[in-house]
């Protein structure tokens, strides 16, 4: 059995799917395929948002800072002191 995707995994999936649509400069993708990809991206983005919201609640209730490491990587957030 595989491990379920994390919030950052869902965020990356949404970005990738939207990238496929944006990179289709030649119009090879049909309207139906573009719509399907956009709907899948929206589902992943919604799951990422739910995971981030849940993490925020957990962090306020004493979860470790390591739980936020995946989100920091996605957001490319600078570390304290202004260094990335």
PDB file of N, CA and C in Angstrom:
ATOM      1  N   UNK A   1       0.860  -1.180   0.000  1.00  0.00           N
ATOM      2  CA  UNK A   1       0.000   0.000   0.000  1.00  0.00           C
ATOM      3  C   UNK A   1       0.898   1.231   0.000  1.00  0.00           C
ATOM      4  N   UNK A   2       0.574   2.195  -0.814  1.00  0.00           N
ATOM      5  CA  UNK A   2       1.396   3.395  -0.919  1.00  0.00           C
ATOM      6  C   UNK A   2       0.970   4.423   0.134  1.00  0.00           C
ATOM      7  N   UNK A   3       1.880   5.330   0.408  1.00  0.00           N
ATOM      8  CA  UNK A   3       1.617   6.405   1.358  1.00  0.00           C
ATOM      9  C   UNK A   3       0.722   7.444   0.704  1.00  0.00           C
ATOM     10  N   UNK A   4      -0.291   7.941   1.421  1.00  0.00           N
ATOM     11  CA  UNK A   4      -1.153   8.962   0.829  1.00  0.00           C
ATOM     12  C   UNK A   4      -0.370  10.251   0.566  1.00  0.00           C
ATOM     13  N   UNK A   5      -0.773  11.022  -0.434  1.00  0.00           N
ATOM     14  CA  UNK A   5      -0.074  12.266  -0.736  1.00  0.00           C
ATOM     15  C   UNK A   5      -0.191  13.265   0.425  1.00  0.00           C
ATOM     16  N   UNK A   6       0.849  14.044   0.607  1.00  0.00           N
ATOM     17  CA  UNK A   6       0.832  15.100   1.617  1.00  0.00           C
ATOM     18  C   UNK A   6       0.265  16.375   1.003  1.00  0.00           C
ATOM     19  N   UNK A   7       0.062  17.382   1.846  1.00  0.00           N
ATOM     20  CA  UNK A   7      -0.391  18.674   1.339  1.00  0.00           C
ATOM     21  C   UNK A   7       0.545  19.231   0.283  1.00  0.00           C
ATOM     22  N   UNK A   8       1.879  19.251   0.544  1.00  0.00           N
ATOM     23  CA  UNK A   8       2.788  19.733  -0.491  1.00  0.00           C
ATOM     24  C   UNK A   8       2.734  18.901  -1.772  1.00  0.00           C
ATOM     25  N   UNK A   9       2.494  17.591  -1.657  1.00  0.00           N
ATOM     26  CA  UNK A   9       2.348  16.752  -2.857  1.00  0.00           C
ATOM     27  C   UNK A   9       1.152  17.218  -3.688  1.00  0.00           C
ATOM     28  N   UNK A  10       0.046  17.508  -3.011  1.00  0.00           N
ATOM     29  CA  UNK A  10      -1.151  17.998  -3.721  1.00  0.00           C
ATOM     30  C   UNK A  10      -0.879  19.355  -4.370  1.00  0.00           C
ATOM     31  N   UNK A  11      -0.141  20.222  -3.666  1.00  0.00           N
ATOM     32  CA  UNK A  11       0.194  21.534  -4.211  1.00  0.00           C
ATOM     33  C   UNK A  11       1.018  21.381  -5.484  1.00  0.00           C
ATOM     34  N   UNK A  12       2.031  20.512  -5.446  1.00  0.00           N
ATOM     35  CA  UNK A  12       2.875  20.274  -6.627  1.00  0.00           C
ATOM     36  C   UNK A  12       2.057  19.700  -7.782  1.00  0.00           C
ATOM     37  N   UNK A  13       1.153  18.779  -7.459  1.00  0.00           N
ATOM     38  CA  UNK A  13       0.314  18.184  -8.502  1.00  0.00           C
ATOM     39  C   UNK A  13      -0.545  19.253  -9.172  1.00  0.00           C
ATOM     40  N   UNK A  14      -1.128  20.148  -8.379  1.00  0.00           N
ATOM     41  CA  UNK A  14      -1.939  21.228  -8.946  1.00  0.00           C
ATOM     42  C   UNK A  14      -1.087  22.121  -9.846  1.00  0.00           C
ATOM     43  N   UNK A  15       0.114  22.464  -9.385  1.00  0.00           N
ATOM     44  CA  UNK A  15       1.011  23.289 -10.204  1.00  0.00           C
ATOM     45  C   UNK A  15       1.359  22.592 -11.513  1.00  0.00           C
ATOM     46  N   UNK A  16       1.666  21.305 -11.456  1.00  0.00           N
ATOM     47  CA  UNK A  16       2.028  20.555 -12.664  1.00  0.00           C
ATOM     48  C   UNK A  16       0.881  20.511 -13.663  1.00  0.00           C
ATOM     49  N   UNK A  17      -0.315  20.240 -13.171  1.00  0.00           N
ATOM     50  CA  UNK A  17      -1.474  20.165 -14.062  1.00  0.00           C
ATOM     51  C   UNK A  17      -1.746  21.516 -14.722  1.00  0.00           C
ATOM     52  N   UNK A  18      -1.668  22.573 -13.944  1.00  0.00           N
ATOM     53  CA  UNK A  18      -1.867  23.908 -14.518  1.00  0.00           C
ATOM     54  C   UNK A  18      -0.752  24.252 -15.494  1.00  0.00           C
ATOM     55  N   UNK A  19       0.451  23.764 -15.222  1.00  0.00           N
ATOM     56  CA  UNK A  19       1.572  23.976 -16.137  1.00  0.00           C
ATOM     57  C   UNK A  19       1.334  23.335 -17.490  1.00  0.00           C
ATOM     58  N   UNK A  20       0.736  22.142 -17.479  1.00  0.00           N
ATOM     59  CA  UNK A  20       0.438  21.473 -18.757  1.00  0.00           C
ATOM     60  C   UNK A  20      -0.494  22.334 -19.593  1.00  0.00           C
ATOM     61  N   UNK A  21      -1.491  22.932 -18.932  1.00  0.00           N
ATOM     62  CA  UNK A  21      -2.439  23.782 -19.657  1.00  0.00           C
ATOM     63  C   UNK A  21      -1.720  25.029 -20.179  1.00  0.00           C
ATOM     64  N   UNK A  22      -0.942  25.662 -19.325  1.00  0.00           N
ATOM     65  CA  UNK A  22      -0.252  26.898 -19.707  1.00  0.00           C
ATOM     66  C   UNK A  22       0.772  26.668 -20.812  1.00  0.00           C
ATOM     67  N   UNK A  23       1.395  25.498 -20.818  1.00  0.00           N
ATOM     68  CA  UNK A  23       2.436  25.199 -21.801  1.00  0.00           C
ATOM     69  C   UNK A  23       1.886  24.736 -23.151  1.00  0.00           C
ATOM     70  N   UNK A  24       0.575  24.611 -23.256  1.00  0.00           N
ATOM     71  CA  UNK A  24      -0.033  24.143 -24.500  1.00  0.00           C
ATOM     72  C   UNK A  24      -0.220  25.306 -25.467  1.00  0.00           C
ATOM     73  N   UNK A  25       0.889  25.835 -25.945  1.00  0.00           N
ATOM     74  CA  UNK A  25       0.847  26.994 -26.834  1.00  0.00           C
ATOM     75  C   UNK A  25       0.352  26.643 -28.233  1.00  0.00           C
ATOM     76  N   UNK A  26       0.483  25.389 -28.619  1.00  0.00           N
ATOM     77  CA  UNK A  26       0.071  24.987 -29.964  1.00  0.00           C
ATOM     78  C   UNK A  26      -1.396  24.580 -30.022  1.00  0.00           C
ATOM     79  N   UNK A  27      -2.058  24.509 -28.876  1.00  0.00           N
ATOM     80  CA  UNK A  27      -3.463  24.131 -28.856  1.00  0.00           C
ATOM     81  C   UNK A  27      -3.719  22.657 -29.100  1.00  0.00           C
ATOM     82  N   UNK A  28      -2.734  21.820 -28.786  1.00  0.00           N
ATOM     83  CA  UNK A  28      -2.900  20.371 -28.984  1.00  0.00           C
ATOM     84  C   UNK A  28      -3.957  19.782 -28.055  1.00  0.00           C
ATOM     85  N   UNK A  29      -4.107  20.386 -26.866  1.00  0.00           N
ATOM     86  CA  UNK A  29      -5.093  19.862 -25.920  1.00  0.00           C
ATOM     87  C   UNK A  29      -6.491  20.308 -26.321  1.00  0.00           C
ATOM     88  N   UNK A  30      -7.408  19.366 -26.292  1.00  0.00           N
ATOM     89  CA  UNK A  30      -8.803  19.714 -26.592  1.00  0.00           C
ATOM     90  C   UNK A  30      -9.381  20.517 -25.419  1.00  0.00           C
ATOM     91  N   UNK A  31     -10.481  21.177 -25.682  1.00  0.00           N
ATOM     92  CA  UNK A  31     -11.178  21.909 -24.618  1.00  0.00           C
ATOM     93  C   UNK A  31     -11.557  20.948 -23.498  1.00  0.00           C
ATOM     94  N   UNK A  32     -11.994  19.750 -23.864  1.00  0.00           N
ATOM     95  CA  UNK A  32     -12.386  18.759 -22.864  1.00  0.00           C
ATOM     96  C   UNK A  32     -11.198  18.371 -21.993  1.00  0.00           C
ATOM     97  N   UNK A  33     -10.031  18.165 -22.619  1.00  0.00           N
ATOM     98  CA  UNK A  33      -8.837  17.779 -21.867  1.00  0.00           C
ATOM     99  C   UNK A  33      -8.382  18.921 -20.972  1.00  0.00           C
ATOM    100  N   UNK A  34      -8.417  20.145 -21.481  1.00  0.00           N
ATOM    101  CA  UNK A  34      -8.040  21.308 -20.668  1.00  0.00           C
ATOM    102  C   UNK A  34      -8.970  21.437 -19.465  1.00  0.00           C
ATOM    103  N   UNK A  35     -10.252  21.217 -19.687  1.00  0.00           N
ATOM    104  CA  UNK A  35     -11.236  21.294 -18.602  1.00  0.00           C
ATOM    105  C   UNK A  35     -10.977  20.209 -17.573  1.00  0.00           C
ATOM    106  N   UNK A  36     -10.677  18.999 -18.047  1.00  0.00           N
ATOM    107  CA  UNK A  36     -10.370  17.894 -17.134  1.00  0.00           C
ATOM    108  C   UNK A  36      -9.134  18.214 -16.284  1.00  0.00           C
ATOM    109  N   UNK A  37      -8.083  18.704 -16.927  1.00  0.00           N
ATOM    110  CA  UNK A  37      -6.856  19.035 -16.201  1.00  0.00           C
ATOM    111  C   UNK A  37      -7.109  20.149 -15.182  1.00  0.00           C
ATOM    112  N   UNK A  38      -7.889  21.146 -15.562  1.00  0.00           N
ATOM    113  CA  UNK A  38      -8.205  22.239 -14.644  1.00  0.00           C
ATOM    114  C   UNK A  38      -9.009  21.734 -13.445  1.00  0.00           C
ATOM    115  N   UNK A  39      -9.946  20.826 -13.686  1.00  0.00           N
ATOM    116  CA  UNK A  39     -10.746  20.267 -12.585  1.00  0.00           C
ATOM    117  C   UNK A  39      -9.876  19.438 -11.647  1.00  0.00           C
ATOM    118  N   UNK A  40      -8.954  18.658 -12.210  1.00  0.00           N
ATOM    119  CA  UNK A  40      -8.048  17.874 -11.378  1.00  0.00           C
ATOM    120  C   UNK A  40      -7.135  18.788 -10.573  1.00  0.00           C
ATOM    121  N   UNK A  41      -6.654  19.864 -11.204  1.00  0.00           N
ATOM    122  CA  UNK A  41      -5.806  20.825 -10.494  1.00  0.00           C
ATOM    123  C   UNK A  41      -6.578  21.464  -9.341  1.00  0.00           C
ATOM    124  N   UNK A  42      -7.829  21.799  -9.582  1.00  0.00           N
ATOM    125  CA  UNK A  42      -8.657  22.396  -8.532  1.00  0.00           C
ATOM    126  C   UNK A  42      -8.841  21.437  -7.366  1.00  0.00           C
ATOM    127  N   UNK A  43      -9.052  20.157  -7.654  1.00  0.00           N
ATOM    128  CA  UNK A  43      -9.197  19.167  -6.585  1.00  0.00           C
ATOM    129  C   UNK A  43      -7.914  19.077  -5.758  1.00  0.00           C
ATOM    130  N   UNK A  44      -6.767  19.033  -6.425  1.00  0.00           N
ATOM    131  CA  UNK A  44      -5.492  18.972  -5.701  1.00  0.00           C
ATOM    132  C   UNK A  44      -5.265  20.250  -4.887  1.00  0.00           C
ATOM    133  N   UNK A  45      -5.598  21.401  -5.461  1.00  0.00           N
ATOM    134  CA  UNK A  45      -5.414  22.661  -4.743  1.00  0.00           C
ATOM    135  C   UNK A  45      -6.301  22.712  -3.498  1.00  0.00           C
ATOM    136  N   UNK A  46      -7.507  22.202  -3.603  1.00  0.00           N
ATOM    137  CA  UNK A  46      -8.420  22.167  -2.459  1.00  0.00           C
ATOM    138  C   UNK A  46      -7.875  21.259  -1.359  1.00  0.00           C
ATOM    139  N   UNK A  47      -7.345  20.095  -1.754  1.00  0.00           N
ATOM    140  CA  UNK A  47      -6.752  19.183  -0.764  1.00  0.00           C
ATOM    141  C   UNK A  47      -5.506  19.794  -0.128  1.00  0.00           C
ATOM    142  N   UNK A  48      -4.711  20.521  -0.904  1.00  0.00           N
ATOM    143  CA  UNK A  48      -3.533  21.194  -0.354  1.00  0.00           C
ATOM    144  C   UNK A  48      -3.955  22.244   0.666  1.00  0.00           C
ATOM    145  N   UNK A  49      -4.991  23.010   0.345  1.00  0.00           N
ATOM    146  CA  UNK A  49      -5.488  24.025   1.264  1.00  0.00           C
ATOM    147  C   UNK A  49      -6.005  23.402   2.555  1.00  0.00           C
ATOM    148  N   UNK A  50      -6.727  22.301   2.432  1.00  0.00           N
ATOM    149  CA  UNK A  50      -7.226  21.603   3.630  1.00  0.00           C
ATOM    150  C   UNK A  50      -6.072  21.121   4.501  1.00  0.00           C
ATOM    151  N   UNK A  51      -5.030  20.587   3.863  1.00  0.00           N
ATOM    152  CA  UNK A  51      -3.872  20.101   4.619  1.00  0.00           C
ATOM    153  C   UNK A  51      -3.146  21.254   5.302  1.00  0.00           C
ATOM    154  N   UNK A  52      -2.994  22.371   4.604  1.00  0.00           N
ATOM    155  CA  UNK A  52      -2.317  23.526   5.190  1.00  0.00           C
ATOM    156  C   UNK A  52      -3.109  24.090   6.362  1.00  0.00           C
ATOM    157  N   UNK A  53      -4.418  24.119   6.221  1.00  0.00           N
ATOM    158  CA  UNK A  53      -5.278  24.604   7.301  1.00  0.00           C
ATOM    159  C   UNK A  53      -5.168  23.691   8.516  1.00  0.00           C
ATOM    160  N   UNK A  54      -5.203  22.391   8.275  1.00  0.00           N
ATOM    161  CA  UNK A  54      -5.084  21.431   9.376  1.00  0.00           C
ATOM    162  C   UNK A  54      -3.720  21.554  10.049  1.00  0.00           C
ATOM    163  N   UNK A  55      -2.673  21.764   9.270  1.00  0.00           N
ATOM    164  CA  UNK A  55      -1.337  21.923   9.829  1.00  0.00           C
ATOM    165  C   UNK A  55      -1.276  23.163  10.705  1.00  0.00           C
ATOM    166  N   UNK A  56      -1.899  24.255  10.267  1.00  0.00           N
ATOM    167  CA  UNK A  56      -1.917  25.472  11.076  1.00  0.00           C
ATOM    168  C   UNK A  56      -2.556  25.231  12.430  1.00  0.00           C
ATOM    169  N   UNK A  57      -3.626  24.483  12.449  1.00  0.00           N
ATOM    170  CA  UNK A  57      -4.294  24.144  13.711  1.00  0.00           C
ATOM    171  C   UNK A  57      -3.369  23.284  14.570  1.00  0.00           C
ATOM    172  N   UNK A  58      -2.707  22.307  13.941  1.00  0.00           N
ATOM    173  CA  UNK A  58      -1.795  21.428  14.686  1.00  0.00           C
ATOM    174  C   UNK A  58      -0.615  22.206  15.241  1.00  0.00           C
ATOM    175  N   UNK A  59      -0.074  23.152  14.452  1.00  0.00           N
ATOM    176  CA  UNK A  59       1.071  23.931  14.919  1.00  0.00           C
ATOM    177  C   UNK A  59       0.684  24.752  16.149  1.00  0.00           C
ATOM    178  N   UNK A  60      -0.532  25.261  16.158  1.00  0.00           N
ATOM    179  CA  UNK A  60      -1.012  26.021  17.318  1.00  0.00           C
ATOM    180  C   UNK A  60      -1.262  25.128  18.519  1.00  0.00           C
ATOM    181  N   UNK A  61      -1.366  23.826  18.270  1.00  0.00           N
ATOM    182  CA  UNK A  61      -1.601  22.883  19.359  1.00  0.00           C
ATOM    183  C   UNK A  61      -0.361  22.069  19.689  1.00  0.00           C
ATOM    184  N   UNK A  62       0.818  22.546  19.285  1.00  0.00           N
ATOM    185  CA  UNK A  62       2.060  21.924  19.722  1.00  0.00           C
ATOM    186  C   UNK A  62       2.702  20.933  18.776  1.00  0.00           C
ATOM    187  N   UNK A  63       2.301  20.893  17.517  1.00  0.00           N
ATOM    188  CA  UNK A  63       2.976  20.002  16.569  1.00  0.00           C
ATOM    189  C   UNK A  63       4.402  20.512  16.355  1.00  0.00           C
ATOM    190  N   UNK A  64       5.270  19.638  15.924  1.00  0.00           N
ATOM    191  CA  UNK A  64       6.669  20.027  15.753  1.00  0.00           C
ATOM    192  C   UNK A  64       6.850  20.898  14.513  1.00  0.00           C
ATOM    193  N   UNK A  65       7.900  21.682  14.517  1.00  0.00           N
ATOM    194  CA  UNK A  65       8.213  22.532  13.368  1.00  0.00           C
ATOM    195  C   UNK A  65       8.535  21.694  12.140  1.00  0.00           C
ATOM    196  N   UNK A  66       8.992  20.463  12.338  1.00  0.00           N
ATOM    197  CA  UNK A  66       9.309  19.585  11.209  1.00  0.00           C
ATOM    198  C   UNK A  66       8.075  19.312  10.354  1.00  0.00           C
ATOM    199  N   UNK A  67       6.891  19.380  10.964  1.00  0.00           N
ATOM    200  CA  UNK A  67       5.665  19.158  10.193  1.00  0.00           C
ATOM    201  C   UNK A  67       5.487  20.204   9.098  1.00  0.00           C
ATOM    202  N   UNK A  68       6.047  21.378   9.295  1.00  0.00           N
ATOM    203  CA  UNK A  68       5.911  22.441   8.307  1.00  0.00           C
ATOM    204  C   UNK A  68       7.028  22.478   7.282  1.00  0.00           C
ATOM    205  N   UNK A  69       7.977  21.558   7.360  1.00  0.00           N
ATOM    206  CA  UNK A  69       9.131  21.581   6.457  1.00  0.00           C
ATOM    207  C   UNK A  69       8.726  21.456   4.992  1.00  0.00           C
ATOM    208  N   UNK A  70       7.773  20.588   4.681  1.00  0.00           N
ATOM    209  CA  UNK A  70       7.323  20.421   3.299  1.00  0.00           C
ATOM    210  C   UNK A  70       6.705  21.691   2.750  1.00  0.00           C
ATOM    211  N   UNK A  71       5.957  22.403   3.594  1.00  0.00           N
ATOM    212  CA  UNK A  71       5.348  23.651   3.143  1.00  0.00           C
ATOM    213  C   UNK A  71       6.401  24.722   2.947  1.00  0.00           C
ATOM    214  N   UNK A  72       7.402  24.759   3.813  1.00  0.00           N
ATOM    215  CA  UNK A  72       8.466  25.748   3.658  1.00  0.00           C
ATOM    216  C   UNK A  72       9.196  25.534   2.339  1.00  0.00           C
ATOM    217  N   UNK A  73       9.398  24.277   1.979  1.00  0.00           N
ATOM    218  CA  UNK A  73      10.066  23.965   0.712  1.00  0.00           C
ATOM    219  C   UNK A  73       9.233  24.445  -0.472  1.00  0.00           C
ATOM    220  N   UNK A  74       7.934  24.180  -0.426  1.00  0.00           N
ATOM    221  CA  UNK A  74       7.027  24.585  -1.504  1.00  0.00           C
ATOM    222  C   UNK A  74       6.992  26.100  -1.636  1.00  0.00           C
ATOM    223  N   UNK A  75       6.878  26.774  -0.519  1.00  0.00           N
ATOM    224  CA  UNK A  75       6.752  28.225  -0.535  1.00  0.00           C
ATOM    225  C   UNK A  75       8.091  28.911  -0.735  1.00  0.00           C
ATOM    226  N   UNK A  76       9.175  28.144  -0.642  1.00  0.00           N
ATOM    227  CA  UNK A  76      10.528  28.683  -0.728  1.00  0.00           C
ATOM    228  C   UNK A  76      10.686  29.825   0.264  1.00  0.00           C
ATOM    229  N   UNK A  77      10.121  29.588   1.442  1.00  0.00           N
ATOM    230  CA  UNK A  77      10.138  30.616   2.469  1.00  0.00           C
ATOM    231  C   UNK A  77      11.547  30.800   3.029  1.00  0.00           C
ATOM    232  N   UNK A  78      11.986  32.050   3.167  1.00  0.00           N
ATOM    233  CA  UNK A  78      13.300  32.267   3.749  1.00  0.00           C
ATOM    234  C   UNK A  78      13.299  31.853   5.214  1.00  0.00           C
ATOM    235  N   UNK A  79      14.424  31.343   5.656  1.00  0.00           N
ATOM    236  CA  UNK A  79      14.558  30.967   7.059  1.00  0.00           C
ATOM    237  C   UNK A  79      14.734  32.217   7.878  1.00  0.00           C
ATOM    238  N   UNK A  80      14.550  32.095   9.170  1.00  0.00           N
ATOM    239  CA  UNK A  80      14.725  33.241  10.064  1.00  0.00           C
ATOM    240  C   UNK A  80      16.112  33.826   9.882  1.00  0.00           C
ATOM    241  N   UNK A  81      16.184  35.121   9.957  1.00  0.00           N
ATOM    242  CA  UNK A  81      17.456  35.806   9.754  1.00  0.00           C
ATOM    243  C   UNK A  81      17.643  36.262   8.313  1.00  0.00           C
ATOM    244  N   UNK A  82      16.639  35.991   7.449  1.00  0.00           N
ATOM    245  CA  UNK A  82      16.682  36.465   6.070  1.00  0.00           C
ATOM    246  C   UNK A  82      17.455  35.606   5.100  1.00  0.00           C
ATOM    247  N   UNK A  83      17.921  34.449   5.528  1.00  0.00           N
ATOM    248  CA  UNK A  83      18.673  33.552   4.635  1.00  0.00           C
ATOM    249  C   UNK A  83      17.757  32.467   4.124  1.00  0.00           C
ATOM    250  N   UNK A  84      17.892  32.130   2.843  1.00  0.00           N
ATOM    251  CA  UNK A  84      17.055  31.068   2.292  1.00  0.00           C
ATOM    252  C   UNK A  84      17.770  29.758   2.268  1.00  0.00           C
TER     253      UNK A  84
END
